[in-house]
PDB file of N, CA and C in Angstrom:
ATOM      1  N   MET A   1     109.257  86.671 100.468  1.00  0.00           N
ATOM      2  CA  MET A   1     108.293  87.684 100.857  1.00  0.00           C
ATOM      3  C   MET A   1     107.172  87.786  99.815  1.00  0.00           C
ATOM      4  N   PHE A   2     107.509  87.743  98.530  1.00  0.00           N
ATOM      5  CA  PHE A   2     106.476  87.846  97.511  1.00  0.00           C
ATOM      6  C   PHE A   2     105.846  86.474  97.303  1.00  0.00           C
ATOM      7  N   ASN A   3     104.876  86.185  98.112  1.00  0.00           N
ATOM      8  CA  ASN A   3     104.205  84.896  98.081  1.00  0.00           C
ATOM      9  C   ASN A   3     103.403  84.756  96.791  1.00  0.00           C
ATOM     10  N   LYS A   4     103.337  83.554  96.253  1.00  0.00           N
ATOM     11  CA  LYS A   4     102.604  83.307  95.013  1.00  0.00           C
ATOM     12  C   LYS A   4     101.118  83.595  95.164  1.00  0.00           C
ATOM     13  N   ARG A   5     100.567  83.361  96.353  1.00  0.00           N
ATOM     14  CA  ARG A   5      99.137  83.642  96.573  1.00  0.00           C
ATOM     15  C   ARG A   5      98.851  85.116  96.374  1.00  0.00           C
ATOM     16  N   VAL A   6      99.708  85.959  96.923  1.00  0.00           N
ATOM     17  CA  VAL A   6      99.500  87.406  96.824  1.00  0.00           C
ATOM     18  C   VAL A   6      99.688  87.862  95.384  1.00  0.00           C
ATOM     19  N   LYS A   7     100.711  87.356  94.704  1.00  0.00           N
ATOM     20  CA  LYS A   7     100.972  87.768  93.330  1.00  0.00           C
ATOM     21  C   LYS A   7      99.847  87.359  92.382  1.00  0.00           C
ATOM     22  N   LYS A   8      99.165  86.234  92.654  1.00  0.00           N
ATOM     23  CA  LYS A   8      98.063  85.805  91.801  1.00  0.00           C
ATOM     24  C   LYS A   8      96.836  86.686  91.984  1.00  0.00           C
ATOM     25  N   ARG A   9      96.592  87.136  93.195  1.00  0.00           N
ATOM     26  CA  ARG A   9      95.369  87.887  93.487  1.00  0.00           C
ATOM     27  C   ARG A   9      95.503  89.386  93.247  1.00  0.00           C
ATOM     28  N   PHE A  10      96.651  89.936  93.526  1.00  0.00           N
ATOM     29  CA  PHE A  10      96.821  91.388  93.464  1.00  0.00           C
ATOM     30  C   PHE A  10      98.060  91.752  92.655  1.00  0.00           C
ATOM     31  N   GLN A  11      97.991  92.906  92.024  1.00  0.00           N
ATOM     32  CA  GLN A  11      99.149  93.484  91.353  1.00  0.00           C
ATOM     33  C   GLN A  11      99.380  94.859  91.943  1.00  0.00           C
ATOM     34  N   PHE A  12     100.633  95.214  92.096  1.00  0.00           N
ATOM     35  CA  PHE A  12     100.993  96.529  92.628  1.00  0.00           C
ATOM     36  C   PHE A  12     101.852  97.250  91.615  1.00  0.00           C
ATOM     37  N   ARG A  13     101.603  98.518  91.452  1.00  0.00           N
ATOM     38  CA  ARG A  13     102.368  99.356  90.523  1.00  0.00           C
ATOM     39  C   ARG A  13     102.768 100.634  91.237  1.00  0.00           C
ATOM     40  N   LEU A  14     103.880 101.164  90.804  1.00  0.00           N
ATOM     41  CA  LEU A  14     104.366 102.429  91.323  1.00  0.00           C
ATOM     42  C   LEU A  14     104.192 103.472  90.224  1.00  0.00           C
ATOM     43  N   TYR A  15     103.459 104.531  90.516  1.00  0.00           N
ATOM     44  CA  TYR A  15     103.205 105.596  89.557  1.00  0.00           C
ATOM     45  C   TYR A  15     103.868 106.877  90.029  1.00  0.00           C
ATOM     46  N   ARG A  16     104.340 107.660  89.084  1.00  0.00           N
ATOM     47  CA  ARG A  16     104.848 108.989  89.418  1.00  0.00           C
ATOM     48  C   ARG A  16     103.674 109.957  89.339  1.00  0.00           C
ATOM     49  N   VAL A  17     103.475 110.715  90.398  1.00  0.00           N
ATOM     50  CA  VAL A  17     102.374 111.680  90.454  1.00  0.00           C
ATOM     51  C   VAL A  17     102.923 113.033  90.873  1.00  0.00           C
ATOM     52  N   ARG A  18     102.233 114.066  90.472  1.00  0.00           N
ATOM     53  CA  ARG A  18     102.643 115.419  90.842  1.00  0.00           C
ATOM     54  C   ARG A  18     101.877 115.834  92.088  1.00  0.00           C
ATOM     55  N   VAL A  19     102.625 116.255  93.102  1.00  0.00           N
ATOM     56  CA  VAL A  19     102.046 116.773  94.345  1.00  0.00           C
ATOM     57  C   VAL A  19     102.594 118.183  94.497  1.00  0.00           C
ATOM     58  N   GLY A  20     101.736 119.160  94.256  1.00  0.00           N
ATOM     59  CA  GLY A  20     102.216 120.537  94.229  1.00  0.00           C
ATOM     60  C   GLY A  20     103.157 120.702  93.047  1.00  0.00           C
ATOM     61  N   ASN A  21     104.381 121.134  93.317  1.00  0.00           N
ATOM     62  CA  ASN A  21     105.371 121.287  92.258  1.00  0.00           C
ATOM     63  C   ASN A  21     106.361 120.136  92.207  1.00  0.00           C
ATOM     64  N   ALA A  22     106.191 119.145  93.049  1.00  0.00           N
ATOM     65  CA  ALA A  22     107.155 118.043  93.135  1.00  0.00           C
ATOM     66  C   ALA A  22     106.578 116.748  92.563  1.00  0.00           C
ATOM     67  N   LEU A  23     107.452 115.916  92.061  1.00  0.00           N
ATOM     68  CA  LEU A  23     107.046 114.589  91.612  1.00  0.00           C
ATOM     69  C   LEU A  23     107.240 113.607  92.756  1.00  0.00           C
ATOM     70  N   HIS A  24     106.206 112.831  93.015  1.00  0.00           N
ATOM     71  CA  HIS A  24     106.234 111.824  94.076  1.00  0.00           C
ATOM     72  C   HIS A  24     105.918 110.464  93.466  1.00  0.00           C
ATOM     73  N   PHE A  25     105.999 109.435  94.291  1.00  0.00           N
ATOM     74  CA  PHE A  25     105.680 108.074  93.873  1.00  0.00           C
ATOM     75  C   PHE A  25     104.447 107.611  94.634  1.00  0.00           C
ATOM     76  N   GLN A  26     103.490 107.045  93.897  1.00  0.00           N
ATOM     77  CA  GLN A  26     102.249 106.579  94.501  1.00  0.00           C
ATOM     78  C   GLN A  26     102.099 105.084  94.222  1.00  0.00           C
ATOM     79  N   LEU A  27     101.816 104.344  95.258  1.00  0.00           N
ATOM     80  CA  LEU A  27     101.610 102.912  95.152  1.00  0.00           C
ATOM     81  C   LEU A  27     100.140 102.652  94.828  1.00  0.00           C
ATOM     82  N   ARG A  28      99.892 101.840  93.790  1.00  0.00           N
ATOM     83  CA  ARG A  28      98.523 101.511  93.389  1.00  0.00           C
ATOM     84  C   ARG A  28      98.342 100.003  93.347  1.00  0.00           C
ATOM     85  N   VAL A  29      97.102  99.571  93.524  1.00  0.00           N
ATOM     86  CA  VAL A  29      96.782  98.145  93.569  1.00  0.00           C
ATOM     87  C   VAL A  29      95.649  97.842  92.594  1.00  0.00           C
ATOM     88  N   GLY A  30      95.719  96.642  92.006  1.00  0.00           N
ATOM     89  CA  GLY A  30      94.665  96.149  91.130  1.00  0.00           C
ATOM     90  C   GLY A  30      94.550  94.648  91.307  1.00  0.00           C
ATOM     91  N   LEU A  31      93.449  94.091  90.863  1.00  0.00           N
ATOM     92  CA  LEU A  31      93.289  92.643  90.900  1.00  0.00           C
ATOM     93  C   LEU A  31      94.097  92.047  89.751  1.00  0.00           C
ATOM     94  N   GLY A  32      94.337  90.748  89.823  1.00  0.00           N
ATOM     95  CA  GLY A  32      95.195  90.081  88.864  1.00  0.00           C
ATOM     96  C   GLY A  32      94.888  90.326  87.402  1.00  0.00           C
ATOM     97  N   ASP A  33      93.610  90.521  87.048  1.00  0.00           N
ATOM     98  CA  ASP A  33      93.246  90.698  85.640  1.00  0.00           C
ATOM     99  C   ASP A  33      92.879  92.145  85.296  1.00  0.00           C
ATOM    100  N   ASP A  34      93.140  93.082  86.178  1.00  0.00           N
ATOM    101  CA  ASP A  34      92.826  94.493  85.916  1.00  0.00           C
ATOM    102  C   ASP A  34      93.781  95.099  84.891  1.00  0.00           C
ATOM    103  N   MET A  35      93.266  96.025  84.132  1.00  0.00           N
ATOM    104  CA  MET A  35      94.098  96.834  83.250  1.00  0.00           C
ATOM    105  C   MET A  35      94.764  97.902  84.111  1.00  0.00           C
ATOM    106  N   PRO A  36      95.920  98.430  83.706  1.00  0.00           N
ATOM    107  CA  PRO A  36      96.587  99.457  84.511  1.00  0.00           C
ATOM    108  C   PRO A  36      95.712 100.673  84.822  1.00  0.00           C
ATOM    109  N   SER A  37      94.773 100.995  83.935  1.00  0.00           N
ATOM    110  CA  SER A  37      93.890 102.138  84.193  1.00  0.00           C
ATOM    111  C   SER A  37      92.887 101.856  85.308  1.00  0.00           C
ATOM    112  N   ASP A  38      92.707 100.583  85.680  1.00  0.00           N
ATOM    113  CA  ASP A  38      91.780 100.214  86.747  1.00  0.00           C
ATOM    114  C   ASP A  38      92.427 100.194  88.124  1.00  0.00           C
ATOM    115  N   PHE A  39      93.739 100.396  88.190  1.00  0.00           N
ATOM    116  CA  PHE A  39      94.433 100.370  89.473  1.00  0.00           C
ATOM    117  C   PHE A  39      94.038 101.598  90.292  1.00  0.00           C
ATOM    118  N   ILE A  40      93.900 101.403  91.610  1.00  0.00           N
ATOM    119  CA  ILE A  40      93.545 102.519  92.490  1.00  0.00           C
ATOM    120  C   ILE A  40      94.683 102.742  93.495  1.00  0.00           C
ATOM    121  N   PRO A  41      94.813 103.969  93.987  1.00  0.00           N
ATOM    122  CA  PRO A  41      95.829 104.224  95.003  1.00  0.00           C
ATOM    123  C   PRO A  41      95.560 103.392  96.261  1.00  0.00           C
ATOM    124  N   VAL A  42      96.616 102.834  96.852  1.00  0.00           N
ATOM    125  CA  VAL A  42      96.411 101.970  98.018  1.00  0.00           C
ATOM    126  C   VAL A  42      95.821 102.732  99.193  1.00  0.00           C
ATOM    127  N   HIS A  43      96.092 104.032  99.299  1.00  0.00           N
ATOM    128  CA  HIS A  43      95.540 104.774 100.439  1.00  0.00           C
ATOM    129  C   HIS A  43      94.024 104.939 100.330  1.00  0.00           C
ATOM    130  N   ARG A  44      93.443 104.621  99.162  1.00  0.00           N
ATOM    131  CA  ARG A  44      91.986 104.651  98.982  1.00  0.00           C
ATOM    132  C   ARG A  44      91.385 103.245  98.939  1.00  0.00           C
ATOM    133  N   SER A  45      92.218 102.236  99.115  1.00  0.00           N
ATOM    134  CA  SER A  45      91.751 100.852  99.048  1.00  0.00           C
ATOM    135  C   SER A  45      91.253 100.385 100.415  1.00  0.00           C
ATOM    136  N   ALA A  46      90.704  99.195 100.436  1.00  0.00           N
ATOM    137  CA  ALA A  46      90.220  98.619 101.699  1.00  0.00           C
ATOM    138  C   ALA A  46      91.367  98.367 102.671  1.00  0.00           C
ATOM    139  N   PHE A  47      92.589  98.199 102.158  1.00  0.00           N
ATOM    140  CA  PHE A  47      93.741  97.984 103.033  1.00  0.00           C
ATOM    141  C   PHE A  47      93.967  99.174 103.961  1.00  0.00           C
ATOM    142  N   ALA A  48      93.603 100.356 103.506  1.00  0.00           N
ATOM    143  CA  ALA A  48      93.832 101.569 104.294  1.00  0.00           C
ATOM    144  C   ALA A  48      92.988 101.599 105.568  1.00  0.00           C
ATOM    145  N   LYS A  49      91.956 100.780 105.634  1.00  0.00           N
ATOM    146  CA  LYS A  49      91.157 100.701 106.861  1.00  0.00           C
ATOM    147  C   LYS A  49      91.918  99.986 107.966  1.00  0.00           C
ATOM    148  N   HIS A  50      92.929  99.204 107.577  1.00  0.00           N
ATOM    149  CA  HIS A  50      93.670  98.385 108.542  1.00  0.00           C
ATOM    150  C   HIS A  50      95.105  98.842 108.765  1.00  0.00           C
ATOM    151  N   LEU A  51      95.639  99.596 107.820  1.00  0.00           N
ATOM    152  CA  LEU A  51      97.030 100.044 107.892  1.00  0.00           C
ATOM    153  C   LEU A  51      97.122 101.527 107.579  1.00  0.00           C
ATOM    154  N   PRO A  52      98.074 102.218 108.183  1.00  0.00           N
ATOM    155  CA  PRO A  52      98.283 103.629 107.825  1.00  0.00           C
ATOM    156  C   PRO A  52      99.071 103.713 106.512  1.00  0.00           C
ATOM    157  N   LEU A  53      98.396 103.998 105.403  1.00  0.00           N
ATOM    158  CA  LEU A  53      99.029 104.068 104.095  1.00  0.00           C
ATOM    159  C   LEU A  53      99.065 105.514 103.612  1.00  0.00           C
ATOM    160  N   GLU A  54     100.173 105.901 103.040  1.00  0.00           N
ATOM    161  CA  GLU A  54     100.376 107.278 102.588  1.00  0.00           C
ATOM    162  C   GLU A  54      99.805 107.505 101.184  1.00  0.00           C
ATOM    163  N   GLU A  55      99.461 108.760 100.898  1.00  0.00           N
ATOM    164  CA  GLU A  55      98.967 109.104  99.565  1.00  0.00           C
ATOM    165  C   GLU A  55     100.085 109.030  98.536  1.00  0.00           C
ATOM    166  N   SER A  56     101.268 109.497  98.905  1.00  0.00           N
ATOM    167  CA  SER A  56     102.418 109.445  97.999  1.00  0.00           C
ATOM    168  C   SER A  56     103.700 109.510  98.819  1.00  0.00           C
ATOM    169  N   HIS A  57     104.814 109.227  98.138  1.00  0.00           N
ATOM    170  CA  HIS A  57     106.115 109.199  98.800  1.00  0.00           C
ATOM    171  C   HIS A  57     107.117 110.005  97.976  1.00  0.00           C
ATOM    172  N   PRO A  58     108.039 110.686  98.628  1.00  0.00           N
ATOM    173  CA  PRO A  58     109.015 111.486  97.883  1.00  0.00           C
ATOM    174  C   PRO A  58     110.024 110.642  97.106  1.00  0.00           C
ATOM    175  N   THR A  59     110.269 109.411  97.529  1.00  0.00           N
ATOM    176  CA  THR A  59     111.223 108.554  96.823  1.00  0.00           C
ATOM    177  C   THR A  59     110.611 107.184  96.555  1.00  0.00           C
ATOM    178  N   ALA A  60     111.146 106.505  95.554  1.00  0.00           N
ATOM    179  CA  ALA A  60     110.682 105.157  95.235  1.00  0.00           C
ATOM    180  C   ALA A  60     111.031 104.192  96.367  1.00  0.00           C
ATOM    181  N   VAL A  61     112.139 104.428  97.049  1.00  0.00           N
ATOM    182  CA  VAL A  61     112.536 103.567  98.163  1.00  0.00           C
ATOM    183  C   VAL A  61     111.481 103.598  99.263  1.00  0.00           C
ATOM    184  N   ASP A  62     110.965 104.782  99.579  1.00  0.00           N
ATOM    185  CA  ASP A  62     109.910 104.909 100.588  1.00  0.00           C
ATOM    186  C   ASP A  62     108.646 104.151 100.166  1.00  0.00           C
ATOM    187  N   ALA A  63     108.292 104.243  98.887  1.00  0.00           N
ATOM    188  CA  ALA A  63     107.106 103.550  98.387  1.00  0.00           C
ATOM    189  C   ALA A  63     107.299 102.033  98.455  1.00  0.00           C
ATOM    190  N   HIS A  64     108.486 101.554  98.123  1.00  0.00           N
ATOM    191  CA  HIS A  64     108.755 100.115  98.205  1.00  0.00           C
ATOM    192  C   HIS A  64     108.765  99.628  99.651  1.00  0.00           C
ATOM    193  N   PHE A  65     109.204 100.485 100.568  1.00  0.00           N
ATOM    194  CA  PHE A  65     109.168 100.140 101.988  1.00  0.00           C
ATOM    195  C   PHE A  65     107.721  99.946 102.445  1.00  0.00           C
ATOM    196  N   GLU A  66     106.842 100.838 102.010  1.00  0.00           N
ATOM    197  CA  GLU A  66     105.426 100.697 102.347  1.00  0.00           C
ATOM    198  C   GLU A  66     104.851  99.424 101.710  1.00  0.00           C
ATOM    199  N   LEU A  67     105.233  99.127 100.479  1.00  0.00           N
ATOM    200  CA  LEU A  67     104.773  97.912  99.818  1.00  0.00           C
ATOM    201  C   LEU A  67     105.222  96.673 100.585  1.00  0.00           C
ATOM    202  N   SER A  68     106.439  96.652 101.053  1.00  0.00           N
ATOM    203  CA  SER A  68     106.937  95.506 101.828  1.00  0.00           C
ATOM    204  C   SER A  68     106.100  95.292 103.084  1.00  0.00           C
ATOM    205  N   GLY A  69     105.776  96.373 103.773  1.00  0.00           N
ATOM    206  CA  GLY A  69     104.935  96.267 104.967  1.00  0.00           C
ATOM    207  C   GLY A  69     103.535  95.781 104.643  1.00  0.00           C
ATOM    208  N   LEU A  70     102.974  96.272 103.553  1.00  0.00           N
ATOM    209  CA  LEU A  70     101.641  95.849 103.135  1.00  0.00           C
ATOM    210  C   LEU A  70     101.630  94.367 102.763  1.00  0.00           C
ATOM    211  N   LEU A  71     102.636  93.922 102.035  1.00  0.00           N
ATOM    212  CA  LEU A  71     102.701  92.507 101.649  1.00  0.00           C
ATOM    213  C   LEU A  71     102.885  91.602 102.862  1.00  0.00           C
ATOM    214  N   ALA A  72     103.685  92.023 103.820  1.00  0.00           N
ATOM    215  CA  ALA A  72     103.862  91.233 105.044  1.00  0.00           C
ATOM    216  C   ALA A  72     102.542  91.121 105.793  1.00  0.00           C
ATOM    217  N   TRP A  73     101.804  92.214 105.868  1.00  0.00           N
ATOM    218  CA  TRP A  73     100.501  92.212 106.532  1.00  0.00           C
ATOM    219  C   TRP A  73      99.538  91.273 105.801  1.00  0.00           C
ATOM    220  N   MET A  74      99.548  91.314 104.463  1.00  0.00           N
ATOM    221  CA  MET A  74      98.657  90.466 103.666  1.00  0.00           C
ATOM    222  C   MET A  74      99.016  88.993 103.819  1.00  0.00           C
ATOM    223  N   GLU A  75     100.290  88.680 103.878  1.00  0.00           N
ATOM    224  CA  GLU A  75     100.740  87.292 104.029  1.00  0.00           C
ATOM    225  C   GLU A  75     100.142  86.659 105.272  1.00  0.00           C
ATOM    226  N   GLU A  76     100.076  87.433 106.343  1.00  0.00           N
ATOM    227  CA  GLU A  76      99.559  86.922 107.603  1.00  0.00           C
ATOM    228  C   GLU A  76      98.054  86.678 107.555  1.00  0.00           C
ATOM    229  N   ARG A  77      97.335  87.411 106.722  1.00  0.00           N
ATOM    230  CA  ARG A  77      95.884  87.393 106.777  1.00  0.00           C
ATOM    231  C   ARG A  77      95.182  86.680 105.622  1.00  0.00           C
ATOM    232  N   LEU A  78      95.867  86.473 104.508  1.00  0.00           N
ATOM    233  CA  LEU A  78      95.205  85.817 103.378  1.00  0.00           C
ATOM    234  C   LEU A  78      95.007  84.337 103.667  1.00  0.00           C
ATOM    235  N   PRO A  79      93.821  83.829 103.385  1.00  0.00           N
ATOM    236  CA  PRO A  79      93.599  82.401 103.593  1.00  0.00           C
ATOM    237  C   PRO A  79      94.418  81.572 102.622  1.00  0.00           C
ATOM    238  N   GLY A  80      94.761  80.343 103.046  1.00  0.00           N
ATOM    239  CA  GLY A  80      95.578  79.399 102.288  1.00  0.00           C
ATOM    240  C   GLY A  80      95.276  79.355 100.859  1.00  0.00           C
TER     241      GLY A  80
END
């Protein structure tokens, strides 16, 4: 599932963020050479125009599930 093409072009990180009084997990994306401070939330990225992406998730499992769906979608569309 984690294709080398995708791993070379994009990096994904899971951040803990506060939503109200609760801690949630937010999936962020950056280009291969970005510093962690340059990563943006996926729900604000260009991917969100094509997929329903959440701002945050209550569990890390939910965030990884969304990442799996995003990577599968990218695999189908990234050129060779």
